[in-house]
Amino acid sequence: MYFISTAAALDADGRWSGPLLATYLVGSALTPVIGASLVELFGYQGFVLTLGVSSFVLAVPAGIIGGLSRRLERATKEVAA
């Protein structure tokens, strides 16, 4: 939920917050099924590695979106002033 609220705050026009919220809702509903399947398939160490890699893959675009949104907001404020 923290990731979703951060994404919504980073993008004031809602381009990213809606899709991220949908992903969160579907992901939270399927987490037990997916997690159990990954543990069964890869074992606990493989599961941790999978979560680490996927978290990193998600963190990079979130950082890029945050930086882009910050620059766009600054540019908008400068134009308005």
PDB file of N, CA and C in Angstrom:
ATOM      1  N   MET A   1       0.824  -1.185   0.000  1.00  0.00           N
ATOM      2  CA  MET A   1       0.000   0.000   0.000  1.00  0.00           C
ATOM      3  C   MET A   1       0.871   1.252   0.000  1.00  0.00           C
ATOM      4  N   TYR A   2       2.004   1.187   0.668  1.00  0.00           N
ATOM      5  CA  TYR A   2       2.924   2.332   0.694  1.00  0.00           C
ATOM      6  C   TYR A   2       3.402   2.661  -0.712  1.00  0.00           C
ATOM      7  N   PHE A   3       3.726   1.653  -1.494  1.00  0.00           N
ATOM      8  CA  PHE A   3       4.191   1.863  -2.868  1.00  0.00           C
ATOM      9  C   PHE A   3       3.112   2.545  -3.695  1.00  0.00           C
ATOM     10  N   ILE A   4       1.873   2.121  -3.535  1.00  0.00           N
ATOM     11  CA  ILE A   4       0.766   2.693  -4.298  1.00  0.00           C
ATOM     12  C   ILE A   4       0.526   4.149  -3.906  1.00  0.00           C
ATOM     13  N   SER A   5       0.536   4.437  -2.612  1.00  0.00           N
ATOM     14  CA  SER A   5       0.303   5.818  -2.186  1.00  0.00           C
ATOM     15  C   SER A   5       1.441   6.728  -2.632  1.00  0.00           C
ATOM     16  N   THR A   6       2.660   6.213  -2.633  1.00  0.00           N
ATOM     17  CA  THR A   6       3.798   6.995  -3.110  1.00  0.00           C
ATOM     18  C   THR A   6       3.658   7.273  -4.608  1.00  0.00           C
ATOM     19  N   ALA A   7       3.268   6.268  -5.361  1.00  0.00           N
ATOM     20  CA  ALA A   7       3.091   6.447  -6.805  1.00  0.00           C
ATOM     21  C   ALA A   7       1.979   7.457  -7.093  1.00  0.00           C
ATOM     22  N   ALA A   8       0.898   7.398  -6.340  1.00  0.00           N
ATOM     23  CA  ALA A   8      -0.201   8.344  -6.546  1.00  0.00           C
ATOM     24  C   ALA A   8       0.249   9.764  -6.226  1.00  0.00           C
ATOM     25  N   ALA A   9       1.063   9.909  -5.202  1.00  0.00           N
ATOM     26  CA  ALA A   9       1.555  11.235  -4.836  1.00  0.00           C
ATOM     27  C   ALA A   9       2.559  11.752  -5.856  1.00  0.00           C
ATOM     28  N   LEU A  10       3.318  10.875  -6.477  1.00  0.00           N
ATOM     29  CA  LEU A  10       4.319  11.297  -7.447  1.00  0.00           C
ATOM     30  C   LEU A  10       3.690  11.772  -8.749  1.00  0.00           C
ATOM     31  N   ASP A  11       2.534  11.264  -9.070  1.00  0.00           N
ATOM     32  CA  ASP A  11       1.925  11.592 -10.350  1.00  0.00           C
ATOM     33  C   ASP A  11       0.555  12.214 -10.113  1.00  0.00           C
ATOM     34  N   ALA A  12       0.516  13.523 -10.087  1.00  0.00           N
ATOM     35  CA  ALA A  12      -0.704  14.245  -9.725  1.00  0.00           C
ATOM     36  C   ALA A  12      -1.827  14.070 -10.742  1.00  0.00           C
ATOM     37  N   ASP A  13      -1.501  13.833 -11.999  1.00  0.00           N
ATOM     38  CA  ASP A  13      -2.568  13.710 -12.991  1.00  0.00           C
ATOM     39  C   ASP A  13      -3.140  12.293 -13.081  1.00  0.00           C
ATOM     40  N   GLY A  14      -2.596  11.348 -12.340  1.00  0.00           N
ATOM     41  CA  GLY A  14      -3.188  10.018 -12.251  1.00  0.00           C
ATOM     42  C   GLY A  14      -2.815   9.050 -13.347  1.00  0.00           C
ATOM     43  N   ARG A  15      -1.852   9.379 -14.172  1.00  0.00           N
ATOM     44  CA  ARG A  15      -1.484   8.463 -15.255  1.00  0.00           C
ATOM     45  C   ARG A  15      -0.926   7.153 -14.743  1.00  0.00           C
ATOM     46  N   TRP A  16      -0.213   7.200 -13.620  1.00  0.00           N
ATOM     47  CA  TRP A  16       0.420   5.988 -13.107  1.00  0.00           C
ATOM     48  C   TRP A  16      -0.294   5.413 -11.899  1.00  0.00           C
ATOM     49  N   SER A  17      -1.006   6.228 -11.150  1.00  0.00           N
ATOM     50  CA  SER A  17      -1.610   5.736  -9.919  1.00  0.00           C
ATOM     51  C   SER A  17      -2.716   4.721 -10.182  1.00  0.00           C
ATOM     52  N   GLY A  18      -3.517   4.911 -11.229  1.00  0.00           N
ATOM     53  CA  GLY A  18      -4.596   3.969 -11.544  1.00  0.00           C
ATOM     54  C   GLY A  18      -4.079   2.579 -11.902  1.00  0.00           C
ATOM     55  N   PRO A  19      -3.172   2.471 -12.861  1.00  0.00           N
ATOM     56  CA  PRO A  19      -2.634   1.146 -13.192  1.00  0.00           C
ATOM     57  C   PRO A  19      -1.900   0.481 -12.024  1.00  0.00           C
ATOM     58  N   LEU A  20      -1.192   1.273 -11.220  1.00  0.00           N
ATOM     59  CA  LEU A  20      -0.507   0.690 -10.074  1.00  0.00           C
ATOM     60  C   LEU A  20      -1.487   0.188  -9.031  1.00  0.00           C
ATOM     61  N   LEU A  21      -2.580   0.917  -8.834  1.00  0.00           N
ATOM     62  CA  LEU A  21      -3.590   0.476  -7.880  1.00  0.00           C
ATOM     63  C   LEU A  21      -4.225  -0.834  -8.348  1.00  0.00           C
ATOM     64  N   ALA A  22      -4.501  -0.942  -9.646  1.00  0.00           N
ATOM     65  CA  ALA A  22      -5.069  -2.181 -10.181  1.00  0.00           C
ATOM     66  C   ALA A  22      -4.101  -3.342  -9.999  1.00  0.00           C
ATOM     67  N   THR A  23      -2.825  -3.092 -10.238  1.00  0.00           N
ATOM     68  CA  THR A  23      -1.815  -4.134 -10.053  1.00  0.00           C
ATOM     69  C   THR A  23      -1.750  -4.564  -8.597  1.00  0.00           C
ATOM     70  N   TYR A  24      -1.821  -3.602  -7.691  1.00  0.00           N
ATOM     71  CA  TYR A  24      -1.781  -3.921  -6.265  1.00  0.00           C
ATOM     72  C   TYR A  24      -2.969  -4.781  -5.860  1.00  0.00           C
ATOM     73  N   LEU A  25      -4.165  -4.423  -6.333  1.00  0.00           N
ATOM     74  CA  LEU A  25      -5.361  -5.165  -5.946  1.00  0.00           C
ATOM     75  C   LEU A  25      -5.321  -6.604  -6.467  1.00  0.00           C
ATOM     76  N   VAL A  26      -4.936  -6.780  -7.709  1.00  0.00           N
ATOM     77  CA  VAL A  26      -4.837  -8.134  -8.271  1.00  0.00           C
ATOM     78  C   VAL A  26      -3.709  -8.905  -7.593  1.00  0.00           C
ATOM     79  N   GLY A  27      -2.581  -8.232  -7.388  1.00  0.00           N
ATOM     80  CA  GLY A  27      -1.441  -8.897  -6.761  1.00  0.00           C
ATOM     81  C   GLY A  27      -1.714  -9.324  -5.327  1.00  0.00           C
ATOM     82  N   SER A  28      -2.416  -8.485  -4.566  1.00  0.00           N
ATOM     83  CA  SER A  28      -2.695  -8.853  -3.181  1.00  0.00           C
ATOM     84  C   SER A  28      -3.675 -10.011  -3.105  1.00  0.00           C
ATOM     85  N   ALA A  29      -4.567 -10.126  -4.069  1.00  0.00           N
ATOM     86  CA  ALA A  29      -5.510 -11.239  -4.080  1.00  0.00           C
ATOM     87  C   ALA A  29      -4.823 -12.554  -4.448  1.00  0.00           C
ATOM     88  N   LEU A  30      -3.829 -12.482  -5.321  1.00  0.00           N
ATOM     89  CA  LEU A  30      -3.171 -13.700  -5.801  1.00  0.00           C
ATOM     90  C   LEU A  30      -1.851 -13.998  -5.090  1.00  0.00           C
ATOM     91  N   THR A  31      -1.440 -13.159  -4.169  1.00  0.00           N
ATOM     92  CA  THR A  31      -0.153 -13.350  -3.500  1.00  0.00           C
ATOM     93  C   THR A  31       0.004 -14.715  -2.842  1.00  0.00           C
ATOM     94  N   PRO A  32      -0.977 -15.201  -2.078  1.00  0.00           N
ATOM     95  CA  PRO A  32      -0.781 -16.520  -1.463  1.00  0.00           C
ATOM     96  C   PRO A  32      -0.595 -17.645  -2.480  1.00  0.00           C
ATOM     97  N   VAL A  33      -1.333 -17.587  -3.568  1.00  0.00           N
ATOM     98  CA  VAL A  33      -1.238 -18.633  -4.592  1.00  0.00           C
ATOM     99  C   VAL A  33       0.110 -18.556  -5.303  1.00  0.00           C
ATOM    100  N   ILE A  34       0.493 -17.360  -5.699  1.00  0.00           N
ATOM    101  CA  ILE A  34       1.757 -17.182  -6.424  1.00  0.00           C
ATOM    102  C   ILE A  34       2.940 -17.491  -5.512  1.00  0.00           C
ATOM    103  N   GLY A  35       2.897 -16.992  -4.275  1.00  0.00           N
ATOM    104  CA  GLY A  35       3.985 -17.246  -3.327  1.00  0.00           C
ATOM    105  C   GLY A  35       4.165 -18.726  -3.042  1.00  0.00           C
ATOM    106  N   ALA A  36       3.067 -19.431  -2.819  1.00  0.00           N
ATOM    107  CA  ALA A  36       3.152 -20.868  -2.552  1.00  0.00           C
ATOM    108  C   ALA A  36       3.696 -21.617  -3.762  1.00  0.00           C
ATOM    109  N   SER A  37       3.278 -21.209  -4.941  1.00  0.00           N
ATOM    110  CA  SER A  37       3.778 -21.860  -6.164  1.00  0.00           C
ATOM    111  C   SER A  37       5.272 -21.619  -6.347  1.00  0.00           C
ATOM    112  N   LEU A  38       5.724 -20.395  -6.077  1.00  0.00           N
ATOM    113  CA  LEU A  38       7.149 -20.095  -6.222  1.00  0.00           C
ATOM    114  C   LEU A  38       7.993 -20.844  -5.193  1.00  0.00           C
ATOM    115  N   VAL A  39       7.496 -20.941  -3.963  1.00  0.00           N
ATOM    116  CA  VAL A  39       8.230 -21.689  -2.940  1.00  0.00           C
ATOM    117  C   VAL A  39       8.307 -23.157  -3.324  1.00  0.00           C
ATOM    118  N   GLU A  40       7.223 -23.695  -3.839  1.00  0.00           N
ATOM    119  CA  GLU A  40       7.215 -25.099  -4.247  1.00  0.00           C
ATOM    120  C   GLU A  40       8.156 -25.330  -5.434  1.00  0.00           C
ATOM    121  N   LEU A  41       8.193 -24.382  -6.342  1.00  0.00           N
ATOM    122  CA  LEU A  41       9.000 -24.533  -7.548  1.00  0.00           C
ATOM    123  C   LEU A  41      10.489 -24.298  -7.287  1.00  0.00           C
ATOM    124  N   PHE A  42      10.828 -23.204  -6.564  1.00  0.00           N
ATOM    125  CA  PHE A  42      12.217 -22.797  -6.388  1.00  0.00           C
ATOM    126  C   PHE A  42      12.796 -23.085  -5.014  1.00  0.00           C
ATOM    127  N   GLY A  43      11.973 -23.395  -4.040  1.00  0.00           N
ATOM    128  CA  GLY A  43      12.442 -23.512  -2.664  1.00  0.00           C
ATOM    129  C   GLY A  43      12.499 -22.131  -2.034  1.00  0.00           C
ATOM    130  N   TYR A  44      12.834 -22.083  -0.756  1.00  0.00           N
ATOM    131  CA  TYR A  44      12.811 -20.799  -0.054  1.00  0.00           C
ATOM    132  C   TYR A  44      13.908 -19.835  -0.530  1.00  0.00           C
ATOM    133  N   GLN A  45      15.090 -20.346  -0.806  1.00  0.00           N
ATOM    134  CA  GLN A  45      16.156 -19.461  -1.280  1.00  0.00           C
ATOM    135  C   GLN A  45      15.845 -18.897  -2.662  1.00  0.00           C
ATOM    136  N   GLY A  46      15.305 -19.715  -3.526  1.00  0.00           N
ATOM    137  CA  GLY A  46      14.905 -19.247  -4.847  1.00  0.00           C
ATOM    138  C   GLY A  46      13.760 -18.251  -4.776  1.00  0.00           C
ATOM    139  N   PHE A  47      12.860 -18.480  -3.827  1.00  0.00           N
ATOM    140  CA  PHE A  47      11.745 -17.554  -3.620  1.00  0.00           C
ATOM    141  C   PHE A  47      12.259 -16.182  -3.197  1.00  0.00           C
ATOM    142  N   VAL A  48      13.206 -16.160  -2.259  1.00  0.00           N
ATOM    143  CA  VAL A  48      13.781 -14.889  -1.802  1.00  0.00           C
ATOM    144  C   VAL A  48      14.512 -14.198  -2.949  1.00  0.00           C
ATOM    145  N   LEU A  49      15.248 -14.946  -3.727  1.00  0.00           N
ATOM    146  CA  LEU A  49      15.947 -14.372  -4.874  1.00  0.00           C
ATOM    147  C   LEU A  49      14.956 -13.804  -5.889  1.00  0.00           C
ATOM    148  N   THR A  50      13.897 -14.527  -6.159  1.00  0.00           N
ATOM    149  CA  THR A  50      12.866 -14.063  -7.085  1.00  0.00           C
ATOM    150  C   THR A  50      12.235 -12.767  -6.592  1.00  0.00           C
ATOM    151  N   LEU A  51      11.916 -12.700  -5.300  1.00  0.00           N
ATOM    152  CA  LEU A  51      11.332 -11.481  -4.744  1.00  0.00           C
ATOM    153  C   LEU A  51      12.313 -10.309  -4.808  1.00  0.00           C
ATOM    154  N   GLY A  52      13.570 -10.575  -4.541  1.00  0.00           N
ATOM    155  CA  GLY A  52      14.575  -9.520  -4.591  1.00  0.00           C
ATOM    156  C   GLY A  52      14.738  -8.953  -5.983  1.00  0.00           C
ATOM    157  N   VAL A  53      14.817  -9.822  -6.972  1.00  0.00           N
ATOM    158  CA  VAL A  53      14.985  -9.371  -8.363  1.00  0.00           C
ATOM    159  C   VAL A  53      13.748  -8.608  -8.832  1.00  0.00           C
ATOM    160  N   SER A  54      12.568  -9.149  -8.540  1.00  0.00           N
ATOM    161  CA  SER A  54      11.349  -8.464  -8.979  1.00  0.00           C
ATOM    162  C   SER A  54      11.176  -7.125  -8.273  1.00  0.00           C
ATOM    163  N   SER A  55      11.559  -7.029  -7.020  1.00  0.00           N
ATOM    164  CA  SER A  55      11.479  -5.749  -6.303  1.00  0.00           C
ATOM    165  C   SER A  55      12.421  -4.725  -6.924  1.00  0.00           C
ATOM    166  N   PHE A  56      13.608  -5.158  -7.279  1.00  0.00           N
ATOM    167  CA  PHE A  56      14.562  -4.253  -7.927  1.00  0.00           C
ATOM    168  C   PHE A  56      14.032  -3.796  -9.275  1.00  0.00           C
ATOM    169  N   VAL A  57      13.451  -4.716 -10.021  1.00  0.00           N
ATOM    170  CA  VAL A  57      12.900  -4.384 -11.342  1.00  0.00           C
ATOM    171  C   VAL A  57      11.767  -3.369 -11.208  1.00  0.00           C
ATOM    172  N   LEU A  58      10.997  -3.439 -10.137  1.00  0.00           N
ATOM    173  CA  LEU A  58       9.922  -2.476  -9.908  1.00  0.00           C
ATOM    174  C   LEU A  58      10.442  -1.153  -9.358  1.00  0.00           C
ATOM    175  N   ALA A  59      11.514  -1.190  -8.589  1.00  0.00           N
ATOM    176  CA  ALA A  59      12.031   0.034  -7.966  1.00  0.00           C
ATOM    177  C   ALA A  59      12.661   0.974  -8.996  1.00  0.00           C
ATOM    178  N   VAL A  60      13.296   0.444  -9.992  1.00  0.00           N
ATOM    179  CA  VAL A  60      13.955   1.285 -10.997  1.00  0.00           C
ATOM    180  C   VAL A  60      12.937   2.136 -11.766  1.00  0.00           C
ATOM    181  N   PRO A  61      11.863   1.552 -12.332  1.00  0.00           N
ATOM    182  CA  PRO A  61      10.892   2.408 -13.015  1.00  0.00           C
ATOM    183  C   PRO A  61      10.202   3.395 -12.063  1.00  0.00           C
ATOM    184  N   ALA A  62       9.959   2.992 -10.823  1.00  0.00           N
ATOM    185  CA  ALA A  62       9.334   3.900  -9.864  1.00  0.00           C
ATOM    186  C   ALA A  62      10.235   5.103  -9.605  1.00  0.00           C
ATOM    187  N   GLY A  63      11.523   4.878  -9.507  1.00  0.00           N
ATOM    188  CA  GLY A  63      12.466   5.985  -9.335  1.00  0.00           C
ATOM    189  C   GLY A  63      12.504   6.898 -10.547  1.00  0.00           C
ATOM    190  N   ILE A  64      12.464   6.312 -11.725  1.00  0.00           N
ATOM    191  CA  ILE A  64      12.457   7.103 -12.956  1.00  0.00           C
ATOM    192  C   ILE A  64      11.181   7.934 -13.045  1.00  0.00           C
ATOM    193  N   ILE A  65      10.046   7.330 -12.731  1.00  0.00           N
ATOM    194  CA  ILE A  65       8.766   8.041 -12.756  1.00  0.00           C
ATOM    195  C   ILE A  65       8.777   9.189 -11.749  1.00  0.00           C
ATOM    196  N   GLY A  66       9.329   8.936 -10.560  1.00  0.00           N
ATOM    197  CA  GLY A  66       9.411   9.975  -9.547  1.00  0.00           C
ATOM    198  C   GLY A  66      10.258  11.151  -9.997  1.00  0.00           C
ATOM    199  N   GLY A  67      11.403  10.858 -10.578  1.00  0.00           N
ATOM    200  CA  GLY A  67      12.276  11.928 -11.068  1.00  0.00           C
ATOM    201  C   GLY A  67      11.644  12.710 -12.201  1.00  0.00           C
ATOM    202  N   LEU A  68      11.005  12.015 -13.122  1.00  0.00           N
ATOM    203  CA  LEU A  68      10.338  12.675 -14.241  1.00  0.00           C
ATOM    204  C   LEU A  68       9.183  13.543 -13.749  1.00  0.00           C
ATOM    205  N   SER A  69       8.386  13.020 -12.839  1.00  0.00           N
ATOM    206  CA  SER A  69       7.267  13.791 -12.302  1.00  0.00           C
ATOM    207  C   SER A  69       7.761  15.039 -11.580  1.00  0.00           C
ATOM    208  N   ARG A  70       8.850  14.905 -10.826  1.00  0.00           N
ATOM    209  CA  ARG A  70       9.400  16.054 -10.106  1.00  0.00           C
ATOM    210  C   ARG A  70       9.849  17.137 -11.095  1.00  0.00           C
ATOM    211  N   ARG A  71      10.535  16.728 -12.164  1.00  0.00           N
ATOM    212  CA  ARG A  71      10.980  17.699 -13.161  1.00  0.00           C
ATOM    213  C   ARG A  71       9.803  18.374 -13.858  1.00  0.00           C
ATOM    214  N   LEU A  72       8.766  17.593 -14.181  1.00  0.00           N
ATOM    215  CA  LEU A  72       7.594  18.164 -14.842  1.00  0.00           C
ATOM    216  C   LEU A  72       6.866  19.146 -13.930  1.00  0.00           C
ATOM    217  N   GLU A  73       6.761  18.833 -12.642  1.00  0.00           N
ATOM    218  CA  GLU A  73       6.113  19.751 -11.705  1.00  0.00           C
ATOM    219  C   GLU A  73       6.916  21.040 -11.559  1.00  0.00           C
ATOM    220  N   ARG A  74       8.229  20.944 -11.501  1.00  0.00           N
ATOM    221  CA  ARG A  74       9.065  22.147 -11.428  1.00  0.00           C
ATOM    222  C   ARG A  74       8.892  23.003 -12.666  1.00  0.00           C
ATOM    223  N   ALA A  75       8.893  22.354 -13.825  1.00  0.00           N
ATOM    224  CA  ALA A  75       8.721  23.104 -15.081  1.00  0.00           C
ATOM    225  C   ALA A  75       7.362  23.781 -15.132  1.00  0.00           C
ATOM    226  N   THR A  76       6.327  23.101 -14.659  1.00  0.00           N
ATOM    227  CA  THR A  76       4.985  23.681 -14.641  1.00  0.00           C
ATOM    228  C   THR A  76       4.927  24.880 -13.710  1.00  0.00           C
ATOM    229  N   LYS A  77       5.557  24.779 -12.547  1.00  0.00           N
ATOM    230  CA  LYS A  77       5.566  25.884 -11.605  1.00  0.00           C
ATOM    231  C   LYS A  77       6.331  27.077 -12.163  1.00  0.00           C
ATOM    232  N   GLU A  78       7.434  26.829 -12.865  1.00  0.00           N
ATOM    233  CA  GLU A  78       8.225  27.914 -13.456  1.00  0.00           C
ATOM    234  C   GLU A  78       7.453  28.623 -14.558  1.00  0.00           C
ATOM    235  N   VAL A  79       6.714  27.865 -15.347  1.00  0.00           N
ATOM    236  CA  VAL A  79       5.919  28.465 -16.426  1.00  0.00           C
ATOM    237  C   VAL A  79       4.780  29.293 -15.834  1.00  0.00           C
ATOM    238  N   ALA A  80       4.165  28.788 -14.765  1.00  0.00           N
ATOM    239  CA  ALA A  80       3.050  29.499 -14.133  1.00  0.00           C
ATOM    240  C   ALA A  80       3.512  30.768 -13.440  1.00  0.00           C
ATOM    241  N   ALA A  81       4.761  30.793 -12.984  1.00  0.00           N
ATOM    242  CA  ALA A  81       5.252  31.974 -12.259  1.00  0.00           C
ATOM    243  C   ALA A  81       5.677  33.068 -13.144  1.00  0.00           C
TER     244      ALA A  81
END
